[in-house]
C-alpha atoms as a PDB file:
ATOM      1  CA  MET A   1     -16.044  -9.509  10.694  1.00  0.00           C
ATOM      2  CA  LYS A   2     -16.610  -5.922  11.730  1.00  0.00           C
ATOM      3  CA  ILE A   3     -14.336  -4.459  14.398  1.00  0.00           C
ATOM      4  CA  ASN A   4     -15.041  -1.433  16.500  1.00  0.00           C
ATOM      5  CA  LYS A   5     -13.195   1.866  16.132  1.00  0.00           C
ATOM      6  CA  THR A   6     -11.536   1.577  19.539  1.00  0.00           C
ATOM      7  CA  LEU A   7      -9.888  -1.713  18.586  1.00  0.00           C
ATOM      8  CA  ALA A   8      -8.630  -0.186  15.336  1.00  0.00           C
ATOM      9  CA  TYR A   9      -7.250   2.802  17.271  1.00  0.00           C
ATOM     10  CA  GLY A  10      -5.544   0.403  19.696  1.00  0.00           C
ATOM     11  CA  LEU A  11      -3.759  -1.248  16.778  1.00  0.00           C
ATOM     12  CA  CYS A  12      -2.695   2.186  15.495  1.00  0.00           C
ATOM     13  CA  CYS A  13      -1.299   3.160  18.889  1.00  0.00           C
ATOM     14  CA  LEU A  14       0.623  -0.100  19.257  1.00  0.00           C
ATOM     15  CA  ARG A  15       1.969   0.281  15.725  1.00  0.00           C
ATOM     16  CA  TYR A  16       3.225   3.785  16.494  1.00  0.00           C
ATOM     17  CA  LEU A  17       4.927   2.673  19.710  1.00  0.00           C
ATOM     18  CA  TYR A  18       6.483  -0.278  17.890  1.00  0.00           C
ATOM     19  CA  LYS A  19       7.806   1.777  14.994  1.00  0.00           C
ATOM     20  CA  TYR A  20       8.715   5.087  16.615  1.00  0.00           C
ATOM     21  CA  GLY A  21       8.952   4.540  20.355  1.00  0.00           C
ATOM     22  CA  LYS A  22      11.863   2.123  20.517  1.00  0.00           C
ATOM     23  CA  ASN A  23      14.190   4.666  22.050  1.00  0.00           C
ATOM     24  CA  GLY A  24      12.027   5.812  24.912  1.00  0.00           C
ATOM     25  CA  TRP A  25       8.841   7.468  25.948  1.00  0.00           C
ATOM     26  CA  VAL A  26       6.206   8.794  23.558  1.00  0.00           C
ATOM     27  CA  LYS A  27       3.644  11.481  24.338  1.00  0.00           C
ATOM     28  CA  VAL A  28       0.034  10.692  23.514  1.00  0.00           C
ATOM     29  CA  GLY A  29      -0.121  13.898  21.471  1.00  0.00           C
ATOM     30  CA  GLU A  30       2.557  12.549  19.102  1.00  0.00           C
ATOM     31  CA  ILE A  31       0.573   9.381  18.518  1.00  0.00           C
ATOM     32  CA  SER A  32      -2.679  11.276  18.097  1.00  0.00           C
ATOM     33  CA  LYS A  33      -1.211  13.697  15.574  1.00  0.00           C
ATOM     34  CA  PHE A  34       0.690  11.104  13.529  1.00  0.00           C
ATOM     35  CA  GLU A  35      -2.137   8.567  13.420  1.00  0.00           C
ATOM     36  CA  LYS A  36      -4.804  11.300  12.994  1.00  0.00           C
ATOM     37  CA  LEU A  37      -6.764  10.146  16.057  1.00  0.00           C
ATOM     38  CA  PRO A  38      -8.755  12.403  18.393  1.00  0.00           C
ATOM     39  CA  LEU A  39      -6.501  13.217  21.362  1.00  0.00           C
ATOM     40  CA  ALA A  40      -9.020  12.357  24.096  1.00  0.00           C
ATOM     41  CA  TYR A  41      -9.962   9.094  22.395  1.00  0.00           C
ATOM     42  CA  CYS A  42      -6.293   8.224  21.853  1.00  0.00           C
ATOM     43  CA  ASN A  43      -5.598   8.809  25.538  1.00  0.00           C
ATOM     44  CA  LYS A  44      -8.485   6.503  26.487  1.00  0.00           C
ATOM     45  CA  VAL A  45      -7.113   3.816  24.166  1.00  0.00           C
ATOM     46  CA  MET A  46      -3.640   4.189  25.671  1.00  0.00           C
ATOM     47  CA  GLN A  47      -5.082   3.697  29.161  1.00  0.00           C
ATOM     48  CA  THR A  48      -6.666   0.429  27.984  1.00  0.00           C
ATOM     49  CA  LEU A  49      -3.290  -0.678  26.618  1.00  0.00           C
ATOM     50  CA  VAL A  50      -1.693   0.163  29.985  1.00  0.00           C
ATOM     51  CA  HIS A  51      -4.429  -1.710  31.859  1.00  0.00           C
ATOM     52  CA  SER A  52      -3.837  -4.731  29.596  1.00  0.00           C
ATOM     53  CA  GLY A  53      -0.146  -4.785  30.556  1.00  0.00           C
ATOM     54  CA  TRP A  54       1.243  -4.088  27.087  1.00  0.00           C
ATOM     55  CA  VAL A  55       2.178  -0.441  27.575  1.00  0.00           C
ATOM     56  CA  GLU A  56       3.647   1.478  30.504  1.00  0.00           C
ATOM     57  CA  SER A  57       2.867   5.092  31.344  1.00  0.00           C
ATOM     58  CA  ARG A  58       4.711   7.678  33.401  1.00  0.00           C
ATOM     59  CA  LYS A  59       3.310  11.077  34.265  1.00  0.00           C
ATOM     60  CA  GLY A  60       5.266  13.739  32.419  1.00  0.00           C
ATOM     61  CA  LYS A  61       7.069  11.194  30.210  1.00  0.00           C
ATOM     62  CA  GLY A  62       4.321   9.507  28.229  1.00  0.00           C
ATOM     63  CA  PHE A  63       3.981   5.889  27.150  1.00  0.00           C
ATOM     64  CA  ARG A  64       6.225   3.068  26.040  1.00  0.00           C
ATOM     65  CA  LEU A  65       5.729  -0.463  24.822  1.00  0.00           C
ATOM     66  CA  ILE A  66       6.637  -3.110  27.424  1.00  0.00           C
ATOM     67  CA  LYS A  67       5.459  -6.263  25.676  1.00  0.00           C
ATOM     68  CA  ASP A  68       6.662  -7.534  22.318  1.00  0.00           C
ATOM     69  CA  LEU A  69       3.941  -7.314  19.706  1.00  0.00           C
ATOM     70  CA  ASP A  70       4.585 -10.891  18.651  1.00  0.00           C
ATOM     71  CA  ARG A  71       3.465 -11.871  22.150  1.00  0.00           C
ATOM     72  CA  ILE A  72       0.109 -10.050  21.965  1.00  0.00           C
ATOM     73  CA  ASP A  73      -2.516 -12.195  20.283  1.00  0.00           C
ATOM     74  CA  ILE A  74      -5.258 -10.543  18.270  1.00  0.00           C
ATOM     75  CA  SER A  75      -7.767 -12.413  20.430  1.00  0.00           C
ATOM     76  CA  ASP A  76      -6.290 -10.588  23.446  1.00  0.00           C
ATOM     77  CA  MET A  77      -6.773  -7.262  21.641  1.00  0.00           C
ATOM     78  CA  ILE A  78     -10.394  -8.138  20.956  1.00  0.00           C
ATOM     79  CA  GLU A  79     -10.776  -9.085  24.600  1.00  0.00           C
ATOM     80  CA  ALA A  80      -9.342  -5.776  25.780  1.00  0.00           C
ATOM     81  CA  PHE A  81     -11.302  -3.505  23.445  1.00  0.00           C
ATOM     82  CA  THR A  82     -14.473  -5.343  22.540  1.00  0.00           C
ATOM     83  CA  TYR A  83     -15.516  -7.576  25.415  1.00  0.00           C
ATOM     84  CA  ASN A  84     -14.794  -5.063  28.179  1.00  0.00           C
ATOM     85  CA  SER A  85     -18.472  -4.327  28.825  1.00  0.00           C
ATOM     86  CA  ALA A  86     -19.706  -7.847  28.237  1.00  0.00           C
ATOM     87  CA  PRO A  87     -21.969  -9.732  30.592  1.00  0.00           C
ATOM     88  CA  ASP A  88     -20.579 -11.512  33.613  1.00  0.00           C
ATOM     89  CA  ILE A  89     -19.599 -15.005  32.454  1.00  0.00           C
ATOM     90  CA  ASP A  90     -20.484 -16.516  35.823  1.00  0.00           C
ATOM     91  CA  SER A  91     -24.168 -16.066  35.045  1.00  0.00           C
ATOM     92  CA  LYS A  92     -26.124 -19.155  33.962  1.00  0.00           C
ATOM     93  CA  SER A  93     -28.435 -17.370  31.489  1.00  0.00           C
ATOM     94  CA  ILE A  94     -28.650 -18.575  27.890  1.00  0.00           C
ATOM     95  CA  ALA A  95     -27.425 -15.179  26.633  1.00  0.00           C
ATOM     96  CA  VAL A  96     -24.240 -15.530  28.664  1.00  0.00           C
ATOM     97  CA  LYS A  97     -23.769 -19.141  27.543  1.00  0.00           C
ATOM     98  CA  LEU A  98     -24.098 -18.076  23.901  1.00  0.00           C
ATOM     99  CA  TYR A  99     -21.767 -15.147  24.432  1.00  0.00           C
ATOM    100  CA  LYS A 100     -19.154 -17.334  26.140  1.00  0.00           C
ATOM    101  CA  ASN A 101     -19.349 -19.889  23.333  1.00  0.00           C
ATOM    102  CA  MET A 102     -18.934 -17.162  20.716  1.00  0.00           C
ATOM    103  CA  ARG A 103     -15.811 -15.858  22.474  1.00  0.00           C
ATOM    104  CA  GLU A 104     -14.332 -19.348  22.649  1.00  0.00           C
ATOM    105  CA  GLN A 105     -14.968 -19.931  18.926  1.00  0.00           C
ATOM    106  CA  ILE A 106     -13.396 -16.602  17.960  1.00  0.00           C
ATOM    107  CA  ASP A 107     -10.357 -17.384  20.097  1.00  0.00           C
ATOM    108  CA  LYS A 108      -9.918 -20.732  18.284  1.00  0.00           C
ATOM    109  CA  TRP A 109     -10.060 -19.075  14.863  1.00  0.00           C
ATOM    110  CA  LEU A 110      -7.469 -16.492  15.806  1.00  0.00           C
ATOM    111  CA  ILE A 111      -4.912 -18.792  17.447  1.00  0.00           C
ATOM    112  CA  GLY A 112      -1.413 -17.679  16.546  1.00  0.00           C
ATOM    113  CA  LEU A 113      -2.336 -14.366  14.910  1.00  0.00           C
ATOM    114  CA  THR A 114      -0.430 -11.605  16.696  1.00  0.00           C
ATOM    115  CA  VAL A 115      -0.537  -7.824  16.627  1.00  0.00           C
ATOM    116  CA  LYS A 116       2.915  -7.869  15.017  1.00  0.00           C
ATOM    117  CA  ASP A 117       1.597 -10.100  12.190  1.00  0.00           C
ATOM    118  CA  VAL A 118      -1.187  -7.625  11.445  1.00  0.00           C
ATOM    119  CA  ILE A 119       1.062  -4.550  11.593  1.00  0.00           C
ATOM    120  CA  GLU A 120       3.808  -6.060   9.447  1.00  0.00           C
ATOM    121  CA  SER A 121       1.271  -7.262   6.879  1.00  0.00           C
ATOM    122  CA  VAL A 122      -0.119  -3.738   6.457  1.00  0.00           C
ATOM    123  CA  ASP A 123       3.364  -2.198   6.374  1.00  0.00           C
ATOM    124  CA  TYR A 124       4.389  -4.728   3.692  1.00  0.00           C
ATOM    125  CA  GLN A 125       1.315  -3.917   1.607  1.00  0.00           C
ATOM    126  CA  GLU A 126       2.006  -0.174   1.890  1.00  0.00           C
ATOM    127  CA  ASN A 127       5.617  -0.671   0.777  1.00  0.00           C
ATOM    128  CA  GLU A 128       4.517  -2.780  -2.206  1.00  0.00           C
ATOM    129  CA  MET A 129       2.178   0.000  -3.355  1.00  0.00           C
ATOM    130  CA  LYS A 130       5.010   2.586  -3.468  1.00  0.00           C
END
């Protein structure tokens, strides 16, 4: 399965907030620099995370995580970053029916896999390689 860059950046941003933002607000520039993400793109990703209800933002303060990562399913991440310009599912066209079915099947396959699972798996692998 191929994921888009924006989804991967979203995971990076959530990982940074989870690991380094526990004591307060984090500026988008910190995340961008640490994760080596373009600043403008990182800011766009952060706005999607805010819109999804997982991150809070305050002008002049930055961003902070407001939802536990073990409560954010990977299927929700895909929904937020991949399906955001998808066709209207109220349409009766065959393309929309196929698209809706595909989304439902993906959601079934990913049941129970959370953002925290993905982040901790990568962190574990990195620690094993040291």
